[in-house]
Amino acid sequence: MPKPAVILRSIAFILLLAVALCAGLWAGYRSTRGKSAGSRYQTMHGWQTISGRWNERDTVFSNSNYGRGDMLIAQHSQGANYSVSADIRFDLLFPETHYGDAGLVIRTTDPEQGVDSYQGYYAGIRPDQQTVILGRASYDWHELASKRLATPVSVGSWYRVTLSAQACNLVVTVTPESGTGATRLEHEDPQCLPQGVAGLRSFYAQASWRNVRITPE
């Protein structure tokens, strides 16, 4: 019959194994939680503010600043082939000029405060021109493509915007909340930026974003 000391050591060993297993399962759960359903972002945790007055309320991100290129960067979204999407709403355009835009960035590196002070791609909606634009920033701005929206954009309405990067192919879609009248813009960049993080961006516009997702492709 085993001695009591041996039995106690065996029980202690089994308990340690159980604790280690539980800790591993919990770490795995935490690492994958939030990445399901396309890495949905609902709070300000994990975001880096690059100028602007950003806040989150009821899972809606808003920038109440009229900045020249305010950004909110998802710090842990580094990747090459992926998509970023969000519902976007214009809350107020710049009152003196009535122009501005809001949208998404992808494959972004070295973001800093200032106009186009980053390297990466930006896709946004311009209500004054009723267009969707796609461009590349390298501490200056290079517009790559634009297209007139199939459905007019107005302040206060939501529009689903998706920006995807697959190798050197970039695709932008804008879909009204009704789900009809979508606009699709595609561009092949022969000197494409290889990788970077995703984020939100506005220029001379107060805007909001909800249902933000970052999805590997």
Protein backbone atom coordinates (compact mmCIF):
# COMPACT_ATOMS: atom_id res chain seq x y z
CA MET A 1 0.00 0.00 0.00
CA PRO A 2 1.48 3.40 -0.98
CA LYS A 3 2.72 5.56 1.84
CA PRO A 4 0.72 8.76 2.69
CA ALA A 5 3.63 10.99 1.58
CA VAL A 6 3.69 9.33 -1.85
CA ILE A 7 -0.07 9.74 -2.21
CA LEU A 8 0.14 13.42 -1.26
CA ARG A 9 2.93 14.03 -3.78
CA SER A 10 0.86 12.35 -6.50
CA ILE A 11 -2.19 14.46 -5.67
CA ALA A 12 -0.08 17.64 -5.67
CA PHE A 13 1.39 16.73 -9.07
CA ILE A 14 -2.06 16.09 -10.54
CA LEU A 15 -3.34 19.40 -9.17
CA LEU A 16 -0.37 21.26 -10.69
CA LEU A 17 -1.05 19.65 -14.07
CA ALA A 18 -4.73 20.64 -13.85
CA VAL A 19 -3.82 24.24 -12.98
CA ALA A 20 -1.33 24.42 -15.87
CA LEU A 21 -3.91 23.00 -18.29
CA CYS A 22 -6.55 25.51 -17.16
CA ALA A 23 -4.05 28.36 -17.49
CA GLY A 24 -3.19 27.26 -21.03
CA LEU A 25 -6.83 27.01 -22.04
CA TRP A 26 -7.54 30.47 -20.58
CA ALA A 27 -4.58 32.00 -22.42
CA GLY A 28 -5.76 30.44 -25.65
CA TYR A 29 -9.27 31.73 -25.08
CA ARG A 30 -8.01 35.25 -24.41
CA SER A 31 -5.78 35.22 -27.48
CA THR A 32 -8.63 34.16 -29.77
CA ARG A 33 -11.46 36.11 -28.12
CA GLY A 34 -12.22 39.19 -30.21
CA LYS A 35 -10.67 37.57 -33.29
CA SER A 36 -13.78 35.53 -33.95
CA ALA A 37 -16.33 37.00 -36.34
CA GLY A 38 -13.50 38.84 -38.09
CA SER A 39 -11.80 40.51 -35.12
CA ARG A 40 -14.63 42.80 -34.13
CA TYR A 41 -13.53 45.91 -32.24
CA GLN A 42 -16.02 47.39 -29.80
CA THR A 43 -13.98 49.39 -27.25
CA MET A 44 -11.05 51.82 -27.24
CA HIS A 45 -8.77 49.11 -25.82
CA GLY A 46 -5.94 48.32 -28.24
CA TRP A 47 -6.29 51.51 -30.29
CA GLN A 48 -3.70 54.25 -30.78
CA THR A 49 -4.94 57.81 -31.27
CA ILE A 50 -3.13 59.85 -33.92
CA SER A 51 -4.61 63.33 -33.28
CA GLY A 52 -8.33 64.02 -33.02
CA ARG A 53 -10.91 63.76 -30.24
CA TRP A 54 -11.85 60.09 -30.34
CA ASN A 55 -14.30 58.37 -28.03
CA GLU A 56 -16.39 55.22 -27.88
CA ARG A 57 -19.99 54.98 -26.72
CA ASP A 58 -22.18 51.90 -27.06
CA THR A 59 -19.59 50.31 -29.41
CA VAL A 60 -19.65 53.36 -31.74
CA PHE A 61 -16.33 55.15 -32.30
CA SER A 62 -16.56 58.89 -33.00
CA ASN A 63 -14.18 61.71 -33.81
CA SER A 64 -15.58 65.12 -32.91
CA ASN A 65 -12.55 66.97 -34.27
CA TYR A 66 -12.22 68.82 -37.60
CA GLY A 67 -8.66 67.57 -37.99
CA ARG A 68 -6.65 67.27 -41.15
CA GLY A 69 -6.25 63.52 -41.15
CA ASP A 70 -7.08 62.29 -37.64
CA MET A 71 -6.54 58.55 -37.24
CA LEU A 72 -7.36 55.77 -34.79
CA ILE A 73 -4.99 52.84 -35.30
CA ALA A 74 -5.71 49.23 -34.33
CA GLN A 75 -2.34 48.43 -32.78
CA HIS A 76 -2.51 44.63 -33.02
CA SER A 77 -3.79 44.35 -36.59
CA GLN A 78 -0.43 43.95 -38.34
CA GLY A 79 -0.83 41.95 -41.53
CA ALA A 80 -0.41 41.74 -45.29
CA ASN A 81 -3.52 40.18 -46.84
CA TYR A 82 -6.63 41.20 -44.92
CA SER A 83 -9.66 43.47 -44.98
CA VAL A 84 -10.98 46.17 -42.68
CA SER A 85 -14.64 47.15 -42.68
CA ALA A 86 -16.98 49.41 -40.74
CA ASP A 87 -20.29 51.22 -40.89
CA ILE A 88 -19.46 54.92 -41.34
CA ARG A 89 -21.68 57.91 -40.65
CA PHE A 90 -20.97 61.59 -41.25
CA ASP A 91 -22.10 63.56 -38.21
CA LEU A 92 -21.05 67.03 -39.40
CA LEU A 93 -18.97 68.38 -42.26
CA PHE A 94 -16.56 71.29 -41.98
CA PRO A 95 -18.94 74.25 -41.66
CA GLU A 96 -16.97 76.75 -43.75
CA THR A 97 -15.98 74.67 -46.76
CA HIS A 98 -18.58 71.84 -46.65
CA TYR A 99 -15.99 69.31 -47.79
CA GLY A 100 -14.32 66.47 -45.99
CA ASP A 101 -14.07 62.72 -46.02
CA ALA A 102 -14.00 59.72 -43.70
CA GLY A 103 -12.95 56.13 -44.18
CA LEU A 104 -10.46 53.38 -43.42
CA VAL A 105 -6.71 52.80 -43.64
CA ILE A 106 -4.90 49.53 -44.31
CA ARG A 107 -1.25 48.36 -44.38
CA THR A 108 -0.31 51.45 -42.40
CA THR A 109 3.16 52.01 -40.95
CA ASP A 110 4.83 54.86 -39.04
CA PRO A 111 1.70 56.94 -38.40
CA GLU A 112 2.34 60.44 -37.00
CA GLN A 113 0.32 63.59 -36.45
CA GLY A 114 -0.09 65.72 -39.56
CA VAL A 115 -1.67 65.58 -42.99
CA ASP A 116 -0.85 62.28 -44.72
CA SER A 117 1.89 61.63 -42.13
CA TYR A 118 1.96 57.86 -42.55
CA GLN A 119 2.61 55.19 -45.11
CA GLY A 120 -0.39 53.16 -46.11
CA TYR A 121 -3.61 53.05 -48.11
CA TYR A 122 -6.75 55.06 -47.43
CA ALA A 123 -10.26 54.59 -48.80
CA GLY A 124 -12.92 57.12 -47.94
CA ILE A 125 -16.21 58.72 -48.86
CA ARG A 126 -16.36 62.34 -50.04
CA PRO A 127 -19.92 63.65 -49.66
CA ASP A 128 -19.27 66.95 -51.49
CA GLN A 129 -18.21 65.05 -54.63
CA GLN A 130 -20.40 61.99 -53.96
CA THR A 131 -17.42 59.76 -54.64
CA VAL A 132 -15.40 56.98 -53.03
CA ILE A 133 -11.65 57.51 -53.26
CA LEU A 134 -8.63 55.25 -52.87
CA GLY A 135 -5.11 56.54 -52.38
CA ARG A 136 -1.66 55.85 -50.99
CA ALA A 137 0.05 58.03 -48.42
CA SER A 138 3.84 58.21 -48.14
CA TYR A 139 4.02 61.43 -46.14
CA ASP A 140 2.26 62.94 -49.13
CA TRP A 141 -0.91 61.95 -50.98
CA HIS A 142 -1.23 59.96 -54.22
CA GLU A 143 -4.80 59.37 -55.34
CA LEU A 144 -4.98 56.01 -57.08
CA ALA A 145 -8.63 55.80 -58.11
CA SER A 146 -12.06 57.28 -57.50
CA LYS A 147 -15.62 56.48 -58.50
CA ARG A 148 -18.96 58.19 -58.24
CA LEU A 149 -21.22 56.57 -55.68
CA ALA A 150 -24.21 54.62 -56.97
CA THR A 151 -26.27 55.86 -54.00
CA PRO A 152 -26.00 59.46 -52.72
CA VAL A 153 -24.37 59.99 -49.32
CA SER A 154 -25.94 62.26 -46.72
CA VAL A 155 -25.09 63.36 -43.20
CA GLY A 156 -26.60 61.15 -40.49
CA SER A 157 -26.90 57.92 -42.52
CA TRP A 158 -24.78 54.77 -42.19
CA TYR A 159 -22.77 53.25 -45.04
CA ARG A 160 -20.85 49.96 -44.92
CA VAL A 161 -17.30 50.46 -46.20
CA THR A 162 -14.90 47.57 -46.79
CA LEU A 163 -11.26 47.97 -47.81
CA SER A 164 -9.33 44.81 -48.67
CA ALA A 165 -5.73 44.17 -49.70
CA GLN A 166 -4.70 40.93 -51.40
CA ALA A 167 -1.13 41.01 -52.74
CA CYS A 168 -1.12 44.22 -54.83
CA ASN A 169 -4.87 44.22 -55.46
CA LEU A 170 -6.99 46.71 -53.50
CA VAL A 171 -10.79 46.64 -53.43
CA VAL A 172 -13.20 49.11 -51.84
CA THR A 173 -16.95 48.66 -51.52
CA VAL A 174 -19.50 51.13 -50.19
CA THR A 175 -22.98 49.83 -49.37
CA PRO A 176 -25.87 51.89 -47.96
CA GLU A 177 -27.61 50.63 -44.82
CA SER A 178 -30.50 49.48 -47.02
CA GLY A 179 -28.14 46.99 -48.68
CA THR A 180 -28.93 48.18 -52.21
CA GLY A 181 -27.01 50.41 -54.61
CA ALA A 182 -23.48 49.31 -53.67
CA THR A 183 -20.38 50.86 -55.25
CA ARG A 184 -17.22 48.85 -55.96
CA LEU A 185 -13.78 50.30 -56.72
CA GLU A 186 -10.76 48.14 -57.59
CA HIS A 187 -7.14 49.06 -58.24
CA GLU A 188 -3.88 47.19 -58.84
CA ASP A 189 -0.85 48.97 -57.37
CA PRO A 190 2.33 47.69 -59.08
CA GLN A 191 4.51 49.14 -56.31
CA CYS A 192 2.26 48.12 -53.45
CA LEU A 193 3.04 48.53 -49.78
CA PRO A 194 3.58 45.04 -48.35
CA GLN A 195 2.04 45.14 -44.85
CA GLY A 196 0.95 47.24 -41.91
CA VAL A 197 -1.90 47.90 -39.52
CA ALA A 198 -5.49 49.02 -40.06
CA GLY A 199 -7.43 51.95 -38.68
CA LEU A 200 -10.03 54.70 -39.01
CA ARG A 201 -9.42 58.13 -40.51
CA SER A 202 -11.27 61.39 -41.09
CA PHE A 203 -10.36 64.65 -42.79
CA TYR A 204 -12.24 67.89 -42.03
CA ALA A 205 -15.31 65.94 -40.95
CA GLN A 206 -16.93 64.77 -37.74
CA ALA A 207 -17.76 61.12 -38.26
CA SER A 208 -18.60 57.84 -36.48
CA TRP A 209 -17.72 54.19 -37.06
CA ARG A 210 -19.41 51.03 -35.79
CA ASN A 211 -19.16 47.26 -36.38
CA VAL A 212 -15.45 47.57 -37.05
CA ARG A 213 -13.97 44.28 -38.24
CA ILE A 214 -10.51 43.22 -39.38
CA THR A 215 -10.48 39.91 -41.21
CA PRO A 216 -7.56 37.88 -42.65
CA GLU A 217 -7.93 36.87 -46.30
